Amino acid sequence: MSALSKAKGFKKSKSGTYLSIATTAFGAISVIKQAKRARTEQDTLQLVDAVVSAAAIATGLAILYRELKRLGDDDVLLG
């Protein structure tokens, strides 16, 4: 099995999904900082950007959670 095949398999694994969730959640830290800075500077456009970014992160986390549940259901059926 080539390294590329292993990498693609990891992305679809439970541990790969957990890693994706962690990195996506880590991205939320910068969005929170951006929102705080925008509120301090009263920059409406930056605040809107932070809100849209937060919505994208929330959607991404929901999709990853759904994928994690699907992987969990598959494991039960295989076992």
Protein backbone atom coordinates (compact mmCIF):
# COMPACT_ATOMS: atom_id res chain seq x y z
CA MET A 1 0.00 0.00 0.00
CA SER A 2 1.45 3.34 -1.01
CA ALA A 3 1.83 6.29 1.34
CA LEU A 4 -0.84 8.19 -0.60
CA SER A 5 -3.32 5.36 -0.17
CA LYS A 6 -2.60 5.22 3.56
CA ALA A 7 -3.12 8.98 3.83
CA LYS A 8 -6.47 8.79 2.04
CA GLY A 9 -7.52 5.92 4.31
CA PHE A 10 -6.52 7.89 7.41
CA LYS A 11 -8.72 10.78 6.36
CA LYS A 12 -11.74 8.46 6.37
CA SER A 13 -10.80 6.78 9.68
CA LYS A 14 -12.06 7.62 13.16
CA SER A 15 -8.68 8.99 14.23
CA GLY A 16 -8.49 11.10 11.06
CA THR A 17 -11.94 12.49 11.76
CA TYR A 18 -10.97 13.30 15.35
CA LEU A 19 -7.88 15.10 14.05
CA SER A 20 -10.03 17.09 11.61
CA ILE A 21 -12.41 18.04 14.43
CA ALA A 22 -9.48 19.19 16.57
CA THR A 23 -7.91 21.31 13.84
CA THR A 24 -11.27 22.83 12.92
CA ALA A 25 -11.97 23.67 16.57
CA PHE A 26 -8.46 25.14 16.88
CA GLY A 27 -9.36 27.49 14.03
CA ALA A 28 -12.17 28.83 16.19
CA ILE A 29 -9.58 30.45 18.46
CA SER A 30 -8.49 32.86 15.75
CA VAL A 31 -12.11 33.66 14.91
CA ILE A 32 -12.82 34.47 18.57
CA LYS A 33 -9.76 36.78 18.65
CA GLN A 34 -10.91 38.41 15.42
CA ALA A 35 -14.40 39.01 16.85
CA LYS A 36 -13.01 40.52 20.07
CA ARG A 37 -10.69 42.80 18.12
CA ALA A 38 -13.54 43.87 15.81
CA ARG A 39 -15.79 44.69 18.76
CA THR A 40 -13.02 46.66 20.46
CA GLU A 41 -12.33 48.65 17.29
CA GLN A 42 -16.06 48.85 16.47
CA ASP A 43 -15.32 47.48 13.00
CA THR A 44 -18.62 46.14 11.70
CA LEU A 45 -17.17 44.58 8.58
CA GLN A 46 -14.57 42.61 10.56
CA LEU A 47 -17.29 41.50 12.97
CA VAL A 48 -19.47 40.26 10.11
CA ASP A 49 -16.46 38.38 8.74
CA ALA A 50 -15.90 36.76 12.14
CA VAL A 51 -19.56 35.73 12.38
CA VAL A 52 -19.51 34.19 8.91
CA SER A 53 -16.27 32.36 9.74
CA ALA A 54 -17.79 31.08 12.98
CA ALA A 55 -20.80 29.78 11.05
CA ALA A 56 -18.49 27.99 8.63
CA ILE A 57 -16.59 26.40 11.53
CA ALA A 58 -19.84 25.31 13.20
CA THR A 59 -21.06 23.76 9.95
CA GLY A 60 -17.73 21.99 9.43
CA LEU A 61 -17.81 20.58 12.96
CA ALA A 62 -21.38 19.36 12.44
CA ILE A 63 -20.40 17.59 9.22
CA LEU A 64 -17.38 15.99 10.89
CA TYR A 65 -19.54 14.88 13.84
CA ARG A 66 -22.00 13.28 11.42
CA GLU A 67 -19.12 11.49 9.70
CA LEU A 68 -17.84 10.29 13.07
CA LYS A 69 -21.28 8.91 13.94
CA ARG A 70 -21.44 7.16 10.56
CA LEU A 71 -18.03 5.60 11.13
CA GLY A 72 -19.16 4.47 14.58
CA ASP A 73 -22.27 2.85 13.13
CA ASP A 74 -20.17 1.01 10.55
CA ASP A 75 -17.86 -0.32 13.27
CA VAL A 76 -20.81 -1.76 15.18
CA LEU A 77 -22.11 -3.51 12.09
CA LEU A 78 -18.71 -4.98 11.29
CA GLY A 79 -18.10 -6.23 14.84
